[in-house]
Amino acid sequence: MTEASANALRRPPVLAAIERSTLNDQAYESLKRALLTGRIESGMTLTFRGLAHDLGTSMMPVREAVARLVAERALEVLPQKGIRVPVLSAEELDDLWNLRVLLEGEAVARAATRATDEDLTKIKNLRDKVRDGAESGSPPAFMEANSDFQLAIYAAAQTSVFITLVEMLRLQASPHRNDAIRAMIIERPPFFYETLRHHDDLVDAMAAKNAEKARKIRQTDILGFRAFFDEVRAR
């Protein structure tokens, strides 16, 4: 092999790598958002071909995206080549709830002291969209707005480690919450109105840069929804 050929092999394939990486990342982000917003539910079986059709792409980006989500324990591939949300035991769900209380509480506390005026404006606008989605009686509208609202808060914490861990926990937990969220929106139990008040109180605590109050509000909100979640599962 000549020196020129060796240099050509070492030279990064810039355009191909960017295109491939971008497509893979887009597939991953689309699947991740579908999990976080309830479009992929517990018990739903998917296929690589079906996902590729929905995303309008080839199978390779879907396979790589699914592999990433399998590593994050958000999806699993079945022996028959189907894809589904992993079935969680009561103990695993308990661990997810407890870890979310700890990590999301800390992330919100940090966000309260680090959020910029621009962050707060975005968070307030998303808070309003959550209320609109909830009062419209549309579970999908509520879940999408609520996911955007929560993740905007965690992004304001300006700590990539917490954001990564919180997203991983929410990816594992979100598909299992759909029945409870639908019941909350349709039946409108007391928790429905209480969680909207929590959102208002949380935004106020962040505007006041009150970290401990923000932490307590978020943890109370998670624990309140957990109680309702357990109630719905027991029906």
C-alpha atoms as a PDB file:
ATOM      1  CA  MET A   1       0.000   0.000   0.000  1.00  0.00           C
ATOM      2  CA  THR A   2       1.395   3.389  -0.964  1.00  0.00           C
ATOM      3  CA  GLU A   3       1.706   6.224   1.533  1.00  0.00           C
ATOM      4  CA  ALA A   4      -0.976   8.166  -0.367  1.00  0.00           C
ATOM      5  CA  SER A   5      -3.375   5.213  -0.135  1.00  0.00           C
ATOM      6  CA  ALA A   6      -2.663   4.794   3.566  1.00  0.00           C
ATOM      7  CA  ASN A   7      -3.368   8.493   4.157  1.00  0.00           C
ATOM      8  CA  ALA A   8      -6.622   8.225   2.217  1.00  0.00           C
ATOM      9  CA  LEU A   9      -7.753   5.322   4.408  1.00  0.00           C
ATOM     10  CA  ARG A  10      -6.871   7.244   7.554  1.00  0.00           C
ATOM     11  CA  ARG A  11      -8.716  10.350   6.385  1.00  0.00           C
ATOM     12  CA  PRO A  12     -12.162  10.465   8.057  1.00  0.00           C
ATOM     13  CA  PRO A  13     -15.056  10.036   5.585  1.00  0.00           C
ATOM     14  CA  VAL A  14     -16.462  13.361   6.712  1.00  0.00           C
ATOM     15  CA  LEU A  15     -19.630  13.642   4.645  1.00  0.00           C
ATOM     16  CA  ALA A  16     -20.681  10.003   4.970  1.00  0.00           C
ATOM     17  CA  ALA A  17     -20.043   9.969   8.710  1.00  0.00           C
ATOM     18  CA  ILE A  18     -22.067  13.140   9.286  1.00  0.00           C
ATOM     19  CA  GLU A  19     -25.017  11.910   7.221  1.00  0.00           C
ATOM     20  CA  ARG A  20     -25.038   8.487   8.879  1.00  0.00           C
ATOM     21  CA  SER A  21     -24.630   9.869  12.377  1.00  0.00           C
ATOM     22  CA  THR A  22     -27.365  12.439  11.837  1.00  0.00           C
ATOM     23  CA  LEU A  23     -29.841   9.860  10.559  1.00  0.00           C
ATOM     24  CA  ASN A  24     -29.072   7.466  13.410  1.00  0.00           C
ATOM     25  CA  ASP A  25     -29.435  10.252  15.961  1.00  0.00           C
ATOM     26  CA  GLN A  26     -32.724  11.379  14.450  1.00  0.00           C
ATOM     27  CA  ALA A  27     -34.102   7.843  14.646  1.00  0.00           C
ATOM     28  CA  TYR A  28     -32.965   7.575  18.250  1.00  0.00           C
ATOM     29  CA  GLU A  29     -34.486  10.925  19.218  1.00  0.00           C
ATOM     30  CA  SER A  30     -37.788  10.039  17.513  1.00  0.00           C
ATOM     31  CA  LEU A  31     -38.033   6.716  19.333  1.00  0.00           C
ATOM     32  CA  LYS A  32     -36.996   8.298  22.617  1.00  0.00           C
ATOM     33  CA  ARG A  33     -39.668  10.972  22.300  1.00  0.00           C
ATOM     34  CA  ALA A  34     -42.278   8.336  21.462  1.00  0.00           C
ATOM     35  CA  LEU A  35     -41.372   6.532  24.700  1.00  0.00           C
ATOM     36  CA  LEU A  36     -41.336   9.684  26.829  1.00  0.00           C
ATOM     37  CA  THR A  37     -44.673  10.925  25.518  1.00  0.00           C
ATOM     38  CA  GLY A  38     -46.577   7.644  25.700  1.00  0.00           C
ATOM     39  CA  ARG A  39     -46.856   6.846  22.000  1.00  0.00           C
ATOM     40  CA  ILE A  40     -44.999   3.598  22.672  1.00  0.00           C
ATOM     41  CA  GLU A  41     -46.816   1.833  25.506  1.00  0.00           C
ATOM     42  CA  SER A  42     -46.148  -1.114  27.739  1.00  0.00           C
ATOM     43  CA  GLY A  43     -47.466  -4.272  26.065  1.00  0.00           C
ATOM     44  CA  MET A  44     -47.131  -2.893  22.532  1.00  0.00           C
ATOM     45  CA  THR A  45     -45.066  -5.051  20.144  1.00  0.00           C
ATOM     46  CA  LEU A  46     -43.126  -3.284  17.389  1.00  0.00           C
ATOM     47  CA  THR A  47     -41.026  -4.442  14.438  1.00  0.00           C
ATOM     48  CA  PHE A  48     -37.899  -3.031  12.860  1.00  0.00           C
ATOM     49  CA  ARG A  49     -39.676  -2.897   9.499  1.00  0.00           C
ATOM     50  CA  GLY A  50     -42.683  -1.074  10.951  1.00  0.00           C
ATOM     51  CA  LEU A  51     -40.520   1.472  12.749  1.00  0.00           C
ATOM     52  CA  ALA A  52     -38.448   2.062   9.610  1.00  0.00           C
ATOM     53  CA  HIS A  53     -41.681   2.642   7.661  1.00  0.00           C
ATOM     54  CA  ASP A  54     -42.994   5.087  10.265  1.00  0.00           C
ATOM     55  CA  LEU A  55     -39.693   6.998  10.339  1.00  0.00           C
ATOM     56  CA  GLY A  56     -39.328   6.932   6.558  1.00  0.00           C
ATOM     57  CA  THR A  57     -35.834   5.510   6.735  1.00  0.00           C
ATOM     58  CA  SER A  58     -33.911   2.295   6.140  1.00  0.00           C
ATOM     59  CA  MET A  59     -33.563  -0.467   8.710  1.00  0.00           C
ATOM     60  CA  MET A  60     -29.992   0.390   9.756  1.00  0.00           C
ATOM     61  CA  PRO A  61     -30.723   3.662  11.636  1.00  0.00           C
ATOM     62  CA  VAL A  62     -33.643   1.941  13.373  1.00  0.00           C
ATOM     63  CA  ARG A  63     -31.473  -0.993  14.426  1.00  0.00           C
ATOM     64  CA  GLU A  64     -28.831   1.328  15.846  1.00  0.00           C
ATOM     65  CA  ALA A  65     -31.438   3.465  17.634  1.00  0.00           C
ATOM     66  CA  VAL A  66     -33.104   0.402  19.133  1.00  0.00           C
ATOM     67  CA  ALA A  67     -29.709  -0.946  20.230  1.00  0.00           C
ATOM     68  CA  ARG A  68     -29.073   2.291  22.136  1.00  0.00           C
ATOM     69  CA  LEU A  69     -32.472   2.105  23.813  1.00  0.00           C
ATOM     70  CA  VAL A  70     -31.951  -1.560  24.681  1.00  0.00           C
ATOM     71  CA  ALA A  71     -28.691  -0.563  26.392  1.00  0.00           C
ATOM     72  CA  GLU A  72     -30.679   2.046  28.343  1.00  0.00           C
ATOM     73  CA  ARG A  73     -33.225  -0.651  29.323  1.00  0.00           C
ATOM     74  CA  ALA A  74     -36.032   1.253  27.614  1.00  0.00           C
ATOM     75  CA  LEU A  75     -36.683  -1.429  24.970  1.00  0.00           C
ATOM     76  CA  GLU A  76     -35.953  -5.114  24.494  1.00  0.00           C
ATOM     77  CA  VAL A  77     -35.708  -7.280  21.375  1.00  0.00           C
ATOM     78  CA  LEU A  78     -37.663 -10.518  21.500  1.00  0.00           C
ATOM     79  CA  PRO A  79     -36.413 -13.831  20.058  1.00  0.00           C
ATOM     80  CA  GLN A  80     -39.038 -13.570  17.304  1.00  0.00           C
ATOM     81  CA  LYS A  81     -37.423 -10.265  16.258  1.00  0.00           C
ATOM     82  CA  GLY A  82     -40.158  -8.110  17.741  1.00  0.00           C
ATOM     83  CA  ILE A  83     -39.446  -5.101  19.934  1.00  0.00           C
ATOM     84  CA  ARG A  84     -41.268  -4.149  23.102  1.00  0.00           C
ATOM     85  CA  VAL A  85     -41.045  -2.193  26.322  1.00  0.00           C
ATOM     86  CA  PRO A  86     -39.561  -4.496  28.996  1.00  0.00           C
ATOM     87  CA  VAL A  87     -41.995  -5.974  31.502  1.00  0.00           C
ATOM     88  CA  LEU A  88     -41.088  -4.658  34.947  1.00  0.00           C
ATOM     89  CA  SER A  89     -41.601  -6.410  38.240  1.00  0.00           C
ATOM     90  CA  ALA A  90     -43.141  -4.645  41.229  1.00  0.00           C
ATOM     91  CA  GLU A  91     -39.658  -4.358  42.735  1.00  0.00           C
ATOM     92  CA  GLU A  92     -38.241  -2.782  39.588  1.00  0.00           C
ATOM     93  CA  LEU A  93     -41.081  -0.263  39.419  1.00  0.00           C
ATOM     94  CA  ASP A  94     -40.507   0.550  43.079  1.00  0.00           C
ATOM     95  CA  ASP A  95     -36.830   1.200  42.376  1.00  0.00           C
ATOM     96  CA  LEU A  96     -37.704   3.475  39.453  1.00  0.00           C
ATOM     97  CA  TRP A  97     -40.101   5.540  41.558  1.00  0.00           C
ATOM     98  CA  ASN A  98     -37.618   5.889  44.431  1.00  0.00           C
ATOM     99  CA  LEU A  99     -34.734   6.853  42.169  1.00  0.00           C
ATOM    100  CA  ARG A 100     -36.890   9.378  40.330  1.00  0.00           C
ATOM    101  CA  VAL A 101     -37.813  11.033  43.615  1.00  0.00           C
ATOM    102  CA  LEU A 102     -34.135  11.398  44.540  1.00  0.00           C
ATOM    103  CA  LEU A 103     -32.691  12.404  41.178  1.00  0.00           C
ATOM    104  CA  GLU A 104     -35.508  14.592  39.871  1.00  0.00           C
ATOM    105  CA  GLY A 105     -35.722  16.319  43.223  1.00  0.00           C
ATOM    106  CA  GLU A 106     -32.021  17.143  43.064  1.00  0.00           C
ATOM    107  CA  ALA A 107     -32.174  18.162  39.400  1.00  0.00           C
ATOM    108  CA  VAL A 108     -35.048  20.565  40.097  1.00  0.00           C
ATOM    109  CA  ALA A 109     -33.207  22.030  43.083  1.00  0.00           C
ATOM    110  CA  ARG A 110     -30.187  22.740  40.916  1.00  0.00           C
ATOM    111  CA  ALA A 111     -32.366  24.164  38.155  1.00  0.00           C
ATOM    112  CA  ALA A 112     -33.936  26.581  40.645  1.00  0.00           C
ATOM    113  CA  THR A 113     -30.568  28.242  41.282  1.00  0.00           C
ATOM    114  CA  ARG A 114     -29.206  28.035  37.735  1.00  0.00           C
ATOM    115  CA  ALA A 115     -32.156  28.777  35.442  1.00  0.00           C
ATOM    116  CA  THR A 116     -31.729  31.871  33.298  1.00  0.00           C
ATOM    117  CA  ASP A 117     -34.505  34.332  32.509  1.00  0.00           C
ATOM    118  CA  GLU A 118     -34.735  32.697  29.088  1.00  0.00           C
ATOM    119  CA  ASP A 119     -35.066  29.275  30.732  1.00  0.00           C
ATOM    120  CA  LEU A 120     -37.861  30.516  32.990  1.00  0.00           C
ATOM    121  CA  THR A 121     -39.773  32.049  30.101  1.00  0.00           C
ATOM    122  CA  LYS A 122     -39.609  28.761  28.202  1.00  0.00           C
ATOM    123  CA  ILE A 123     -40.624  26.767  31.287  1.00  0.00           C
ATOM    124  CA  LYS A 124     -43.595  29.040  31.972  1.00  0.00           C
ATOM    125  CA  ASN A 125     -44.799  28.732  28.375  1.00  0.00           C
ATOM    126  CA  LEU A 126     -44.527  24.951  28.542  1.00  0.00           C
ATOM    127  CA  ARG A 127     -46.346  24.946  31.902  1.00  0.00           C
ATOM    128  CA  ASP A 128     -49.237  26.687  30.186  1.00  0.00           C
ATOM    129  CA  LYS A 129     -49.239  24.094  27.396  1.00  0.00           C
ATOM    130  CA  VAL A 130     -49.435  21.326  29.994  1.00  0.00           C
ATOM    131  CA  ARG A 131     -52.550  22.939  31.485  1.00  0.00           C
ATOM    132  CA  ASP A 132     -54.082  23.388  28.021  1.00  0.00           C
ATOM    133  CA  GLY A 133     -53.388  19.747  27.175  1.00  0.00           C
ATOM    134  CA  ALA A 134     -54.831  18.536  30.464  1.00  0.00           C
ATOM    135  CA  GLU A 135     -57.985  20.636  30.209  1.00  0.00           C
ATOM    136  CA  SER A 136     -58.525  19.587  26.578  1.00  0.00           C
ATOM    137  CA  GLY A 137     -59.081  16.035  27.805  1.00  0.00           C
ATOM    138  CA  SER A 138     -56.432  14.724  25.406  1.00  0.00           C
ATOM    139  CA  PRO A 139     -53.941  12.330  27.074  1.00  0.00           C
ATOM    140  CA  PRO A 140     -51.448  12.558  24.157  1.00  0.00           C
ATOM    141  CA  ALA A 141     -51.479  16.378  24.246  1.00  0.00           C
ATOM    142  CA  PHE A 142     -50.964  16.340  28.000  1.00  0.00           C
ATOM    143  CA  MET A 143     -48.156  13.745  27.891  1.00  0.00           C
ATOM    144  CA  GLU A 144     -46.226  15.543  25.162  1.00  0.00           C
ATOM    145  CA  ALA A 145     -46.502  18.937  26.850  1.00  0.00           C
ATOM    146  CA  ASN A 146     -45.705  17.513  30.277  1.00  0.00           C
ATOM    147  CA  SER A 147     -42.602  15.727  29.001  1.00  0.00           C
ATOM    148  CA  ASP A 148     -41.357  18.922  27.340  1.00  0.00           C
ATOM    149  CA  PHE A 149     -42.069  20.902  30.534  1.00  0.00           C
ATOM    150  CA  GLN A 150     -40.197  18.498  32.811  1.00  0.00           C
ATOM    151  CA  LEU A 151     -37.204  18.089  30.506  1.00  0.00           C
ATOM    152  CA  ALA A 152     -36.899  21.868  30.055  1.00  0.00           C
ATOM    153  CA  ILE A 153     -36.607  22.177  33.841  1.00  0.00           C
ATOM    154  CA  TYR A 154     -33.909  19.522  34.034  1.00  0.00           C
ATOM    155  CA  ALA A 155     -32.025  21.127  31.149  1.00  0.00           C
ATOM    156  CA  ALA A 156     -31.958  24.347  33.179  1.00  0.00           C
ATOM    157  CA  ALA A 157     -30.010  22.477  35.871  1.00  0.00           C
ATOM    158  CA  GLN A 158     -27.037  22.658  33.475  1.00  0.00           C
ATOM    159  CA  THR A 159     -25.646  19.290  34.482  1.00  0.00           C
ATOM    160  CA  SER A 160     -25.343  16.669  31.763  1.00  0.00           C
ATOM    161  CA  VAL A 161     -24.867  13.821  34.238  1.00  0.00           C
ATOM    162  CA  PHE A 162     -28.220  14.446  35.928  1.00  0.00           C
ATOM    163  CA  ILE A 163     -30.016  14.981  32.632  1.00  0.00           C
ATOM    164  CA  THR A 164     -28.693  11.669  31.285  1.00  0.00           C
ATOM    165  CA  LEU A 165     -29.696   9.738  34.410  1.00  0.00           C
ATOM    166  CA  VAL A 166     -33.110  11.385  34.713  1.00  0.00           C
ATOM    167  CA  GLU A 167     -33.897  10.759  31.042  1.00  0.00           C
ATOM    168  CA  MET A 168     -32.893   7.105  31.395  1.00  0.00           C
ATOM    169  CA  LEU A 169     -35.214   6.624  34.369  1.00  0.00           C
ATOM    170  CA  ARG A 170     -38.080   8.418  32.630  1.00  0.00           C
ATOM    171  CA  LEU A 171     -37.546   6.351  29.470  1.00  0.00           C
ATOM    172  CA  GLN A 172     -37.956   3.173  31.503  1.00  0.00           C
ATOM    173  CA  ALA A 173     -40.936   4.448  33.497  1.00  0.00           C
ATOM    174  CA  SER A 174     -42.982   6.481  30.995  1.00  0.00           C
ATOM    175  CA  PRO A 175     -44.582   3.663  28.939  1.00  0.00           C
ATOM    176  CA  HIS A 176     -45.960   2.116  32.126  1.00  0.00           C
ATOM    177  CA  ARG A 177     -47.761   5.308  33.196  1.00  0.00           C
ATOM    178  CA  ASN A 178     -50.180   5.588  30.281  1.00  0.00           C
ATOM    179  CA  ASP A 179     -53.179   3.917  31.891  1.00  0.00           C
ATOM    180  CA  ALA A 180     -52.858   6.107  34.980  1.00  0.00           C
ATOM    181  CA  ILE A 181     -52.446   9.273  32.913  1.00  0.00           C
ATOM    182  CA  ARG A 182     -55.493   8.447  30.795  1.00  0.00           C
ATOM    183  CA  ALA A 183     -57.503   7.819  33.961  1.00  0.00           C
ATOM    184  CA  MET A 184     -56.257  11.073  35.454  1.00  0.00           C
ATOM    185  CA  ILE A 185     -57.255  13.094  32.375  1.00  0.00           C
ATOM    186  CA  ILE A 186     -60.614  11.400  31.760  1.00  0.00           C
ATOM    187  CA  GLU A 187     -61.772  10.927  35.342  1.00  0.00           C
ATOM    188  CA  ARG A 188     -60.169  14.125  36.661  1.00  0.00           C
ATOM    189  CA  PRO A 189     -59.524  12.934  40.229  1.00  0.00           C
ATOM    190  CA  PRO A 190     -58.299  15.404  42.859  1.00  0.00           C
ATOM    191  CA  PHE A 191     -54.731  14.634  41.828  1.00  0.00           C
ATOM    192  CA  PHE A 192     -55.435  16.062  38.360  1.00  0.00           C
ATOM    193  CA  TYR A 193     -55.934  19.553  39.797  1.00  0.00           C
ATOM    194  CA  GLU A 194     -53.278  19.093  42.457  1.00  0.00           C
ATOM    195  CA  THR A 195     -50.565  18.304  39.909  1.00  0.00           C
ATOM    196  CA  LEU A 196     -51.411  21.452  37.939  1.00  0.00           C
ATOM    197  CA  ARG A 197     -51.062  23.458  41.162  1.00  0.00           C
ATOM    198  CA  HIS A 198     -47.714  21.775  41.752  1.00  0.00           C
ATOM    199  CA  HIS A 199     -46.566  22.991  38.353  1.00  0.00           C
ATOM    200  CA  ASP A 200     -47.554  26.554  39.215  1.00  0.00           C
ATOM    201  CA  ASP A 201     -45.849  26.334  42.604  1.00  0.00           C
ATOM    202  CA  LEU A 202     -42.717  24.835  41.058  1.00  0.00           C
ATOM    203  CA  VAL A 203     -42.399  27.642  38.529  1.00  0.00           C
ATOM    204  CA  ASP A 204     -42.841  30.188  41.338  1.00  0.00           C
ATOM    205  CA  ALA A 205     -40.157  28.468  43.458  1.00  0.00           C
ATOM    206  CA  MET A 206     -37.756  28.489  40.525  1.00  0.00           C
ATOM    207  CA  ALA A 207     -38.438  32.156  39.836  1.00  0.00           C
ATOM    208  CA  ALA A 208     -37.617  32.838  43.499  1.00  0.00           C
ATOM    209  CA  LYS A 209     -34.500  30.611  43.229  1.00  0.00           C
ATOM    210  CA  ASN A 210     -35.755  28.606  46.208  1.00  0.00           C
ATOM    211  CA  ALA A 211     -34.000  25.271  45.651  1.00  0.00           C
ATOM    212  CA  GLU A 212     -35.370  23.388  48.661  1.00  0.00           C
ATOM    213  CA  LYS A 213     -38.941  24.431  47.996  1.00  0.00           C
ATOM    214  CA  ALA A 214     -38.593  23.381  44.357  1.00  0.00           C
ATOM    215  CA  ARG A 215     -37.178  20.019  45.429  1.00  0.00           C
ATOM    216  CA  LYS A 216     -40.038  19.386  47.856  1.00  0.00           C
ATOM    217  CA  ILE A 217     -42.710  20.320  45.302  1.00  0.00           C
ATOM    218  CA  ARG A 218     -41.289  18.005  42.640  1.00  0.00           C
ATOM    219  CA  GLN A 219     -40.889  15.108  45.044  1.00  0.00           C
ATOM    220  CA  THR A 220     -44.418  15.579  46.380  1.00  0.00           C
ATOM    221  CA  ASP A 221     -45.740  15.614  42.822  1.00  0.00           C
ATOM    222  CA  ILE A 222     -43.961  12.359  41.911  1.00  0.00           C
ATOM    223  CA  LEU A 223     -45.127  10.629  45.094  1.00  0.00           C
ATOM    224  CA  GLY A 224     -48.693  11.812  44.545  1.00  0.00           C
ATOM    225  CA  PHE A 225     -48.755  10.428  41.033  1.00  0.00           C
ATOM    226  CA  ARG A 226     -47.207   7.189  42.254  1.00  0.00           C
ATOM    227  CA  ALA A 227     -50.088   6.726  44.702  1.00  0.00           C
ATOM    228  CA  PHE A 228     -52.600   7.286  41.892  1.00  0.00           C
ATOM    229  CA  PHE A 229     -50.607   4.981  39.582  1.00  0.00           C
ATOM    230  CA  ASP A 230     -50.767   2.192  42.183  1.00  0.00           C
ATOM    231  CA  GLU A 231     -54.510   2.784  42.602  1.00  0.00           C
ATOM    232  CA  VAL A 232     -55.145   2.423  38.874  1.00  0.00           C
ATOM    233  CA  ARG A 233     -53.011  -0.724  38.625  1.00  0.00           C
ATOM    234  CA  ALA A 234     -54.937  -2.315  41.481  1.00  0.00           C
ATOM    235  CA  ARG A 235     -58.324  -1.929  39.722  1.00  0.00           C
END
